Amino acid sequence: MTISSRSGTAVAGRLGRDGAFWAAASVLALALWSSGAPSVLYPIYAERWDLTPVVMTTVFATYQLALMVVLPLFGNLSDLVGRRRVMTLGVGLMAVSALLFAVAPDVSYLYAGRVLQGAGAGLSMGAATASLVENSTTRGPRAASTTATVATSAGLTLALLVSGVLAEYLPMPLLWSYVVLLVLATASVVALALTPDDRPPVRAPWRPRAPFVPAGIRTGFVVATLSVALAYCVGAIFLSLGAHMIDQLTRTESTAVVGALLAASAACIGITGLFLGRVDARRLVWAGVGLTLASLVLMAAASARASLPLFLAWCVVGGVAYAVAFTGGLGLVNGLAPQHHRGAVLSFLYLVAYALQAVTAIGAGAVATRVSLGVAMEVAAVFLAGLCAVVVVLLLSGSRRASPVEAVTA
């Protein structure tokens, strides 16, 4: 059997294009599972090895720093050798990272594991997002961005829940989450092997190239990227310092409780994403800015007042804000990016978003270590409110000039 591919014809795999669509969604879910798996366990690592908040946030941000190296070098690789091959390589690196975390005797292994996680995500996320668009035969780019939102949130939610429960109820609490990750990575590689070969018929030689955005879509690209970055930055604070906030608010030693509270926000992302498929991307960006500002107020208030109800409100509103801002930003760029540069454009978007996420996480951790967690939340809220203001200015100026952002309806 032969099917049409994005650049001509390709050898079909047993799963077909629908199978390729869902295999790509599973890769996005796995990337977030890999990223979120250690989050519930950070307090255990900190207690066992006497680690400060800034050490834990730099461990968290090593993932983003690795992405910032990989994406400029290999962001266009899937455009040249095919989405499937690049996704398979990325998932393989995530599997090796799980092995490092599982046997880690000290914090150096955590840094190495996060490097591999970041490299794996850097290779696979742009390719997987592009594959969603190109294999969405009846769904369109808007549905692809919604699927990406739901897939990533599902991966993160399950990672937090499963990690918390396994660490609480099984011996060797720092092992089993990574065993599950390794099994899932193996299953994902098998699924990818059964999908159609999507290599382009004309193979240009690969060479590193500086990140770029095609002329004519740059305003829309900046708006889309900052919208995704807002979601990622709030998520960085939540995943790197959320467990420490829960510890201060509840004094619980149950990793299952910590995992459930952290997973509540991720679950809100996925549930909200289910309802965004038909909403215009530009309107989602506007709504994402407003909801992000509301979540920042709740975040600062929860930390300042040591209030568990306010923390839970932040989980809900922050999760909804993440879904809306991420889906809106991804919808914009999916509609704007030309097909033959889609992998490179999406990789550049992730590069900028993850760079801002790393700055947020490391900065918040440094302030929490030197001053207090409450002050760190306030400083982070001010920084992210500034990013919201930039997005609003760009949206308004783009409207006046009839920028490409206005043309996006998918």
Protein backbone atom coordinates (compact mmCIF):
# COMPACT_ATOMS: atom_id res chain seq x y z
CA MET A 1 0.00 0.00 0.00
CA THR A 2 1.21 3.50 -0.83
CA ILE A 3 0.04 6.77 0.64
CA SER A 4 0.60 10.44 -0.11
CA SER A 5 3.09 12.22 2.11
CA ARG A 6 3.89 15.87 2.69
CA SER A 7 6.31 15.90 -0.25
CA GLY A 8 5.15 13.19 -2.61
CA THR A 9 4.83 9.51 -1.86
CA ALA A 10 6.16 7.43 0.98
CA VAL A 11 6.27 3.82 2.01
CA ALA A 12 3.28 3.16 4.22
CA GLY A 13 3.62 1.68 7.65
CA ARG A 14 1.12 -0.68 9.19
CA LEU A 15 -0.55 2.06 11.18
CA GLY A 16 -1.22 4.47 8.27
CA ARG A 17 -1.57 8.24 8.57
CA ASP A 18 -4.06 8.09 11.43
CA GLY A 19 -1.60 5.89 13.26
CA ALA A 20 1.18 8.38 12.53
CA PHE A 21 -1.00 11.17 13.94
CA TRP A 22 -1.56 9.37 17.23
CA ALA A 23 2.04 8.14 17.41
CA ALA A 24 3.18 11.78 17.17
CA ALA A 25 0.71 12.70 19.91
CA SER A 26 2.19 9.95 22.08
CA VAL A 27 5.68 11.37 21.55
CA LEU A 28 4.51 14.80 22.79
CA ALA A 29 2.90 13.14 25.80
CA LEU A 30 6.11 11.21 26.49
CA ALA A 31 8.24 14.37 26.26
CA LEU A 32 6.15 16.01 29.00
CA TRP A 33 6.04 12.77 31.01
CA SER A 34 9.84 12.70 30.89
CA SER A 35 10.08 16.35 31.90
CA GLY A 36 7.56 16.08 34.75
CA ALA A 37 8.54 12.71 36.23
CA PRO A 38 11.17 14.14 38.64
CA SER A 39 8.99 17.06 39.84
CA VAL A 40 7.22 15.16 42.62
CA LEU A 41 10.54 13.66 43.70
CA TYR A 42 12.52 16.92 44.01
CA PRO A 43 11.83 17.28 47.78
CA ILE A 44 13.10 13.71 48.32
CA TYR A 45 16.29 14.45 46.40
CA ALA A 46 16.71 17.73 48.32
CA GLU A 47 16.32 16.03 51.69
CA ARG A 48 18.60 13.07 50.90
CA TRP A 49 21.41 15.12 49.39
CA ASP A 50 20.86 18.40 51.30
CA LEU A 51 20.13 20.44 48.16
CA THR A 52 18.99 24.09 48.17
CA PRO A 53 16.07 25.44 46.09
CA VAL A 54 18.45 27.03 43.59
CA VAL A 55 20.14 23.66 43.00
CA MET A 56 16.77 22.02 42.36
CA THR A 57 15.64 24.76 39.98
CA THR A 58 18.94 24.55 38.07
CA VAL A 59 18.42 20.79 37.78
CA PHE A 60 14.97 21.56 36.40
CA ALA A 61 16.32 24.24 34.04
CA THR A 62 19.11 22.01 32.69
CA TYR A 63 16.37 20.48 30.53
CA GLN A 64 15.66 23.85 28.94
CA LEU A 65 19.35 24.68 28.57
CA ALA A 66 19.90 21.43 26.67
CA LEU A 67 16.99 22.32 24.41
CA MET A 68 18.58 25.69 23.72
CA VAL A 69 21.67 23.91 22.38
CA VAL A 70 19.88 21.18 20.42
CA LEU A 71 17.18 23.26 18.74
CA PRO A 72 19.44 25.70 16.85
CA LEU A 73 21.61 22.82 15.62
CA PHE A 74 18.95 20.26 14.76
CA GLY A 75 15.69 22.22 14.54
CA ASN A 76 15.49 21.68 10.76
CA LEU A 77 16.60 18.03 10.84
CA SER A 78 13.11 16.55 10.54
CA ASP A 79 12.45 18.68 7.44
CA LEU A 80 15.37 16.88 5.79
CA VAL A 81 15.31 13.28 7.03
CA GLY A 82 11.66 12.86 8.04
CA ARG A 83 9.64 13.33 11.20
CA ARG A 84 9.64 9.67 12.20
CA ARG A 85 13.40 9.24 12.33
CA VAL A 86 13.94 12.35 14.42
CA MET A 87 11.13 11.46 16.84
CA THR A 88 12.62 7.97 17.28
CA LEU A 89 16.03 9.40 18.12
CA GLY A 90 14.48 11.84 20.60
CA VAL A 91 12.51 9.11 22.36
CA GLY A 92 15.67 7.00 22.56
CA LEU A 93 17.47 9.79 24.43
CA MET A 94 14.54 10.07 26.86
CA ALA A 95 14.84 6.33 27.52
CA VAL A 96 18.55 6.66 28.36
CA SER A 97 17.72 9.59 30.67
CA ALA A 98 15.31 7.33 32.55
CA LEU A 99 18.16 4.89 33.19
CA LEU A 100 20.36 7.66 34.58
CA PHE A 101 17.65 8.89 36.94
CA ALA A 102 16.87 5.35 38.07
CA VAL A 103 20.45 4.66 39.21
CA ALA A 104 21.41 8.21 40.31
CA PRO A 105 23.78 8.15 43.34
CA ASP A 106 24.15 11.94 43.49
CA VAL A 107 22.93 15.17 41.93
CA SER A 108 25.38 14.99 39.00
CA TYR A 109 23.29 12.17 37.55
CA LEU A 110 20.21 14.38 37.74
CA TYR A 111 21.95 17.05 35.70
CA ALA A 112 23.05 14.46 33.13
CA GLY A 113 19.57 12.97 32.98
CA ARG A 114 18.00 16.38 32.43
CA VAL A 115 20.49 17.08 29.62
CA LEU A 116 19.34 13.91 27.84
CA GLN A 117 15.68 14.69 28.51
CA GLY A 118 16.12 18.15 27.04
CA ALA A 119 18.02 16.86 24.02
CA GLY A 120 15.36 14.22 23.41
CA ALA A 121 12.55 16.73 23.70
CA GLY A 122 14.43 19.20 21.52
CA LEU A 123 14.69 16.66 18.74
CA SER A 124 11.20 15.21 19.03
CA MET A 125 8.78 18.02 19.93
CA GLY A 126 9.12 20.10 16.77
CA ALA A 127 9.03 16.98 14.61
CA ALA A 128 6.02 15.58 16.49
CA THR A 129 4.07 18.84 16.26
CA ALA A 130 4.78 19.05 12.52
CA SER A 131 3.73 15.41 12.12
CA LEU A 132 0.42 16.14 13.82
CA VAL A 133 -0.32 18.88 11.30
CA GLU A 134 0.76 16.85 8.28
CA ASN A 135 -1.08 13.66 9.25
CA SER A 136 -4.26 15.41 10.36
CA THR A 137 -6.05 14.60 7.12
CA THR A 138 -9.56 15.49 8.33
CA ARG A 139 -8.77 17.62 11.37
CA GLY A 140 -6.73 20.60 10.17
CA PRO A 141 -3.97 22.61 11.92
CA ARG A 142 -6.33 23.96 14.57
CA ALA A 143 -7.23 20.46 15.71
CA ALA A 144 -3.54 19.53 15.61
CA SER A 145 -2.67 22.31 18.07
CA THR A 146 -5.52 21.21 20.34
CA THR A 147 -4.32 17.61 20.20
CA ALA A 148 -0.82 18.79 21.10
CA THR A 149 -2.21 20.62 24.15
CA VAL A 150 -4.21 17.62 25.34
CA ALA A 151 -1.36 15.17 24.68
CA THR A 152 1.24 17.17 26.57
CA SER A 153 -1.10 17.77 29.50
CA ALA A 154 -2.04 14.10 29.64
CA GLY A 155 1.61 13.12 29.74
CA LEU A 156 2.38 15.60 32.49
CA THR A 157 -0.72 14.73 34.54
CA LEU A 158 -0.03 11.01 34.47
CA ALA A 159 3.67 11.53 35.22
CA LEU A 160 2.89 13.54 38.35
CA LEU A 161 0.19 11.16 39.57
CA VAL A 162 2.08 7.96 38.83
CA SER A 163 5.37 9.26 40.23
CA GLY A 164 3.68 10.37 43.44
CA VAL A 165 1.78 7.14 44.00
CA LEU A 166 4.73 4.86 43.18
CA ALA A 167 7.09 6.84 45.42
CA GLU A 168 4.59 6.73 48.28
CA TYR A 169 3.56 3.09 48.22
CA LEU A 170 6.51 1.15 46.79
CA PRO A 171 10.02 0.66 48.12
CA MET A 172 12.85 2.53 46.36
CA PRO A 173 10.73 5.66 45.72
CA LEU A 174 13.31 7.15 43.33
CA LEU A 175 13.23 4.16 40.96
CA TRP A 176 9.80 3.15 39.76
CA SER A 177 8.72 6.33 38.00
CA TYR A 178 11.68 5.93 35.64
CA VAL A 179 10.98 2.25 35.05
CA VAL A 180 7.52 3.26 33.82
CA LEU A 181 9.08 5.97 31.64
CA LEU A 182 11.47 3.43 30.10
CA VAL A 183 8.60 1.06 29.29
CA LEU A 184 6.57 3.86 27.69
CA ALA A 185 9.54 5.04 25.64
CA THR A 186 10.01 1.50 24.31
CA ALA A 187 6.34 1.29 23.35
CA SER A 188 6.57 4.66 21.60
CA VAL A 189 9.57 3.53 19.51
CA VAL A 190 7.64 0.42 18.44
CA ALA A 191 4.62 2.54 17.45
CA LEU A 192 6.80 4.91 15.43
CA ALA A 193 8.41 1.95 13.63
CA LEU A 194 4.95 0.91 12.41
CA THR A 195 4.07 4.32 10.95
CA PRO A 196 4.67 5.38 7.31
CA ASP A 197 8.16 6.36 6.22
CA ASP A 198 7.91 10.13 5.79
CA ARG A 199 11.36 10.88 4.39
CA PRO A 200 11.20 13.46 1.59
CA PRO A 201 11.99 12.01 -1.86
CA VAL A 202 14.69 14.62 -2.44
CA ARG A 203 17.09 14.61 0.49
CA ALA A 204 19.07 17.77 1.00
CA PRO A 205 22.25 17.44 3.06
CA TRP A 206 21.85 18.40 6.68
CA ARG A 207 23.90 21.25 8.09
CA PRO A 208 23.41 23.37 11.20
CA ARG A 209 21.74 26.64 10.45
CA ALA A 210 20.90 29.66 12.52
CA PRO A 211 17.26 29.81 13.67
CA PHE A 212 15.13 31.80 11.29
CA VAL A 213 11.56 32.79 10.59
CA PRO A 214 10.40 33.23 6.97
CA ALA A 215 9.63 36.79 5.96
CA GLY A 216 5.99 37.78 6.20
CA ILE A 217 5.11 35.84 9.35
CA ARG A 218 7.49 37.38 11.88
CA THR A 219 4.98 39.44 13.85
CA GLY A 220 2.67 36.46 14.10
CA PHE A 221 5.59 34.24 15.06
CA VAL A 222 6.64 36.54 17.92
CA VAL A 223 3.09 36.71 19.26
CA ALA A 224 2.70 32.93 19.02
CA THR A 225 6.06 32.29 20.67
CA LEU A 226 5.44 34.62 23.59
CA SER A 227 2.01 33.09 24.11
CA VAL A 228 3.55 29.61 24.37
CA ALA A 229 6.33 31.05 26.55
CA LEU A 230 3.80 32.45 29.03
CA ALA A 231 2.37 28.97 29.47
CA TYR A 232 5.81 27.42 29.85
CA CYS A 233 7.07 30.03 32.34
CA VAL A 234 4.11 29.60 34.70
CA GLY A 235 4.56 25.85 34.33
CA ALA A 236 8.27 26.19 35.22
CA ILE A 237 7.47 27.82 38.54
CA PHE A 238 4.82 25.24 39.26
CA LEU A 239 6.96 22.20 38.42
CA SER A 240 10.24 23.39 39.94
CA LEU A 241 8.94 24.98 43.16
CA GLY A 242 5.36 23.70 43.44
CA ALA A 243 6.31 20.71 45.59
CA HIS A 244 8.16 23.04 47.99
CA MET A 245 5.08 25.29 48.20
CA ILE A 246 2.88 22.29 48.97
CA ASP A 247 5.31 21.21 51.69
CA GLN A 248 5.09 24.65 53.32
CA LEU A 249 1.31 24.82 53.02
CA THR A 250 0.37 21.30 54.11
CA ARG A 251 3.43 19.94 55.97
CA THR A 252 2.64 16.63 54.27
CA GLU A 253 5.28 13.98 53.66
CA SER A 254 3.05 12.05 51.27
CA THR A 255 4.37 12.11 47.72
CA ALA A 256 0.98 10.81 46.57
CA VAL A 257 -0.68 13.97 47.93
CA VAL A 258 2.00 16.18 46.37
CA GLY A 259 1.62 14.40 43.04
CA ALA A 260 -2.16 14.70 43.10
CA LEU A 261 -2.03 18.43 43.86
CA LEU A 262 0.51 19.07 41.12
CA ALA A 263 -1.43 16.89 38.69
CA ALA A 264 -4.60 18.91 39.30
CA SER A 265 -3.18 21.79 37.29
CA ALA A 266 -2.00 19.54 34.47
CA ALA A 267 -5.42 17.89 34.36
CA CYS A 268 -7.03 21.31 33.97
CA ILE A 269 -4.80 21.90 30.96
CA GLY A 270 -6.04 18.76 29.23
CA ILE A 271 -9.70 19.23 30.10
CA THR A 272 -9.64 22.82 28.87
CA GLY A 273 -7.82 21.81 25.70
CA LEU A 274 -10.70 19.54 24.73
CA PHE A 275 -12.94 22.59 24.25
CA LEU A 276 -10.56 24.81 22.28
CA GLY A 277 -10.51 23.10 18.89
CA ARG A 278 -12.98 25.48 17.23
CA VAL A 279 -11.84 28.72 18.83
CA ASP A 280 -9.90 31.24 16.73
CA ALA A 281 -6.19 31.17 17.63
CA ARG A 282 -5.85 34.95 18.00
CA ARG A 283 -8.75 35.10 20.43
CA LEU A 284 -7.13 32.33 22.43
CA VAL A 285 -3.94 34.37 22.72
CA TRP A 286 -5.93 37.34 24.06
CA ALA A 287 -7.73 35.10 26.55
CA GLY A 288 -4.46 33.41 27.51
CA VAL A 289 -2.92 36.75 28.47
CA GLY A 290 -5.87 37.65 30.69
CA LEU A 291 -6.01 34.27 32.38
CA THR A 292 -2.25 34.25 32.91
CA LEU A 293 -2.45 37.59 34.71
CA ALA A 294 -5.21 36.21 36.94
CA SER A 295 -3.13 33.11 37.70
CA LEU A 296 -0.13 35.27 38.65
CA VAL A 297 -2.21 37.16 41.19
CA LEU A 298 -3.35 33.86 42.71
CA MET A 299 0.21 32.49 42.71
CA ALA A 300 1.61 35.47 44.60
CA ALA A 301 -1.33 35.54 47.00
CA ALA A 302 -1.10 31.81 47.75
CA SER A 303 2.57 32.14 48.66
CA ALA A 304 2.18 35.37 50.63
CA ARG A 305 -0.77 34.12 52.70
CA ALA A 306 0.33 30.48 52.91
CA SER A 307 -3.16 29.55 51.76
CA LEU A 308 -3.92 26.07 50.43
CA PRO A 309 -7.30 27.18 48.92
CA LEU A 310 -5.51 29.95 47.00
CA PHE A 311 -2.89 27.42 45.87
CA LEU A 312 -5.64 25.15 44.55
CA ALA A 313 -7.25 28.13 42.80
CA TRP A 314 -3.88 28.85 41.19
CA CYS A 315 -3.71 25.20 40.05
CA VAL A 316 -7.07 25.50 38.31
CA VAL A 317 -6.73 28.99 36.81
CA GLY A 318 -3.08 28.42 35.91
CA GLY A 319 -3.96 25.16 34.16
CA VAL A 320 -6.73 26.82 32.15
CA ALA A 321 -4.40 29.72 31.29
CA TYR A 322 -1.69 27.33 30.15
CA ALA A 323 -4.09 25.47 27.84
CA VAL A 324 -5.50 28.63 26.31
CA ALA A 325 -2.15 30.41 25.81
CA PHE A 326 -0.35 27.30 24.52
CA THR A 327 -3.14 26.27 22.13
CA GLY A 328 -3.51 29.83 20.86
CA GLY A 329 0.20 30.28 20.24
CA LEU A 330 0.60 26.89 18.59
CA GLY A 331 -2.50 27.48 16.48
CA LEU A 332 -1.08 30.76 15.20
CA VAL A 333 2.25 29.32 14.18
CA ASN A 334 0.75 26.15 12.67
CA GLY A 335 -1.40 28.31 10.42
CA LEU A 336 1.44 30.63 9.43
CA ALA A 337 4.46 28.34 8.94
CA PRO A 338 5.12 27.16 5.37
CA GLN A 339 5.12 23.37 5.12
CA HIS A 340 8.72 22.99 3.90
CA HIS A 341 10.02 25.02 6.88
CA ARG A 342 7.49 23.91 9.50
CA GLY A 343 9.89 21.79 11.55
CA ALA A 344 12.45 24.59 11.71
CA VAL A 345 9.87 27.25 12.62
CA LEU A 346 8.31 25.12 15.35
CA SER A 347 11.75 24.27 16.73
CA PHE A 348 12.60 27.98 16.88
CA LEU A 349 9.36 28.66 18.74
CA TYR A 350 10.19 25.98 21.29
CA LEU A 351 13.75 27.33 21.57
CA VAL A 352 12.61 30.81 22.59
CA ALA A 353 9.84 29.53 24.85
CA TYR A 354 12.15 27.15 26.68
CA ALA A 355 14.86 29.82 27.02
CA LEU A 356 12.38 32.08 28.80
CA GLN A 357 11.23 29.12 30.90
CA ALA A 358 14.82 28.44 32.01
CA VAL A 359 15.34 32.10 32.95
CA THR A 360 12.14 32.04 35.00
CA ALA A 361 12.96 28.81 36.83
CA ILE A 362 16.58 29.69 37.64
CA GLY A 363 15.68 33.24 38.65
CA ALA A 364 12.86 32.11 40.93
CA GLY A 365 15.10 29.47 42.53
CA ALA A 366 17.90 31.97 43.14
CA VAL A 367 15.55 34.46 44.81
CA ALA A 368 13.94 31.69 46.89
CA THR A 369 17.37 30.58 48.11
CA ARG A 370 18.73 34.04 48.90
CA VAL A 371 15.54 35.67 50.20
CA SER A 372 12.38 33.57 50.49
CA LEU A 373 9.91 31.56 48.45
CA GLY A 374 7.28 34.28 48.84
CA VAL A 375 9.53 36.98 47.40
CA ALA A 376 10.49 34.63 44.55
CA MET A 377 6.83 34.24 43.63
CA GLU A 378 6.32 38.01 43.64
CA VAL A 379 9.37 38.66 41.45
CA ALA A 380 8.30 35.95 39.01
CA ALA A 381 4.78 37.41 38.87
CA VAL A 382 6.14 40.85 37.96
CA PHE A 383 8.41 39.41 35.25
CA LEU A 384 5.61 37.39 33.66
CA ALA A 385 3.19 40.31 33.85
CA GLY A 386 5.76 42.23 31.79
CA LEU A 387 5.70 39.47 29.16
CA CYS A 388 1.91 39.70 29.09
CA ALA A 389 2.18 43.43 28.45
CA VAL A 390 4.53 42.81 25.51
CA VAL A 391 2.05 40.37 23.95
CA VAL A 392 -0.78 42.89 24.32
CA VAL A 393 1.28 45.63 22.64
CA LEU A 394 2.16 43.32 19.74
CA LEU A 395 -1.44 42.23 19.30
CA LEU A 396 -2.66 45.81 19.24
CA SER A 397 0.06 47.02 16.88
CA GLY A 398 -0.50 44.02 14.62
CA SER A 399 -4.19 44.85 14.42
CA ARG A 400 -3.46 48.41 13.34
CA ARG A 401 -1.07 47.27 10.60
CA ALA A 402 -3.26 44.33 9.51
CA SER A 403 -0.39 41.98 10.34
CA PRO A 404 -0.31 38.30 9.33
CA VAL A 405 -1.68 37.44 12.75
CA GLU A 406 -5.05 38.71 11.63
CA ALA A 407 -5.10 36.36 8.68
CA VAL A 408 -4.89 33.26 10.85
CA THR A 409 -8.23 31.56 11.15
CA ALA A 410 -7.04 28.01 11.66
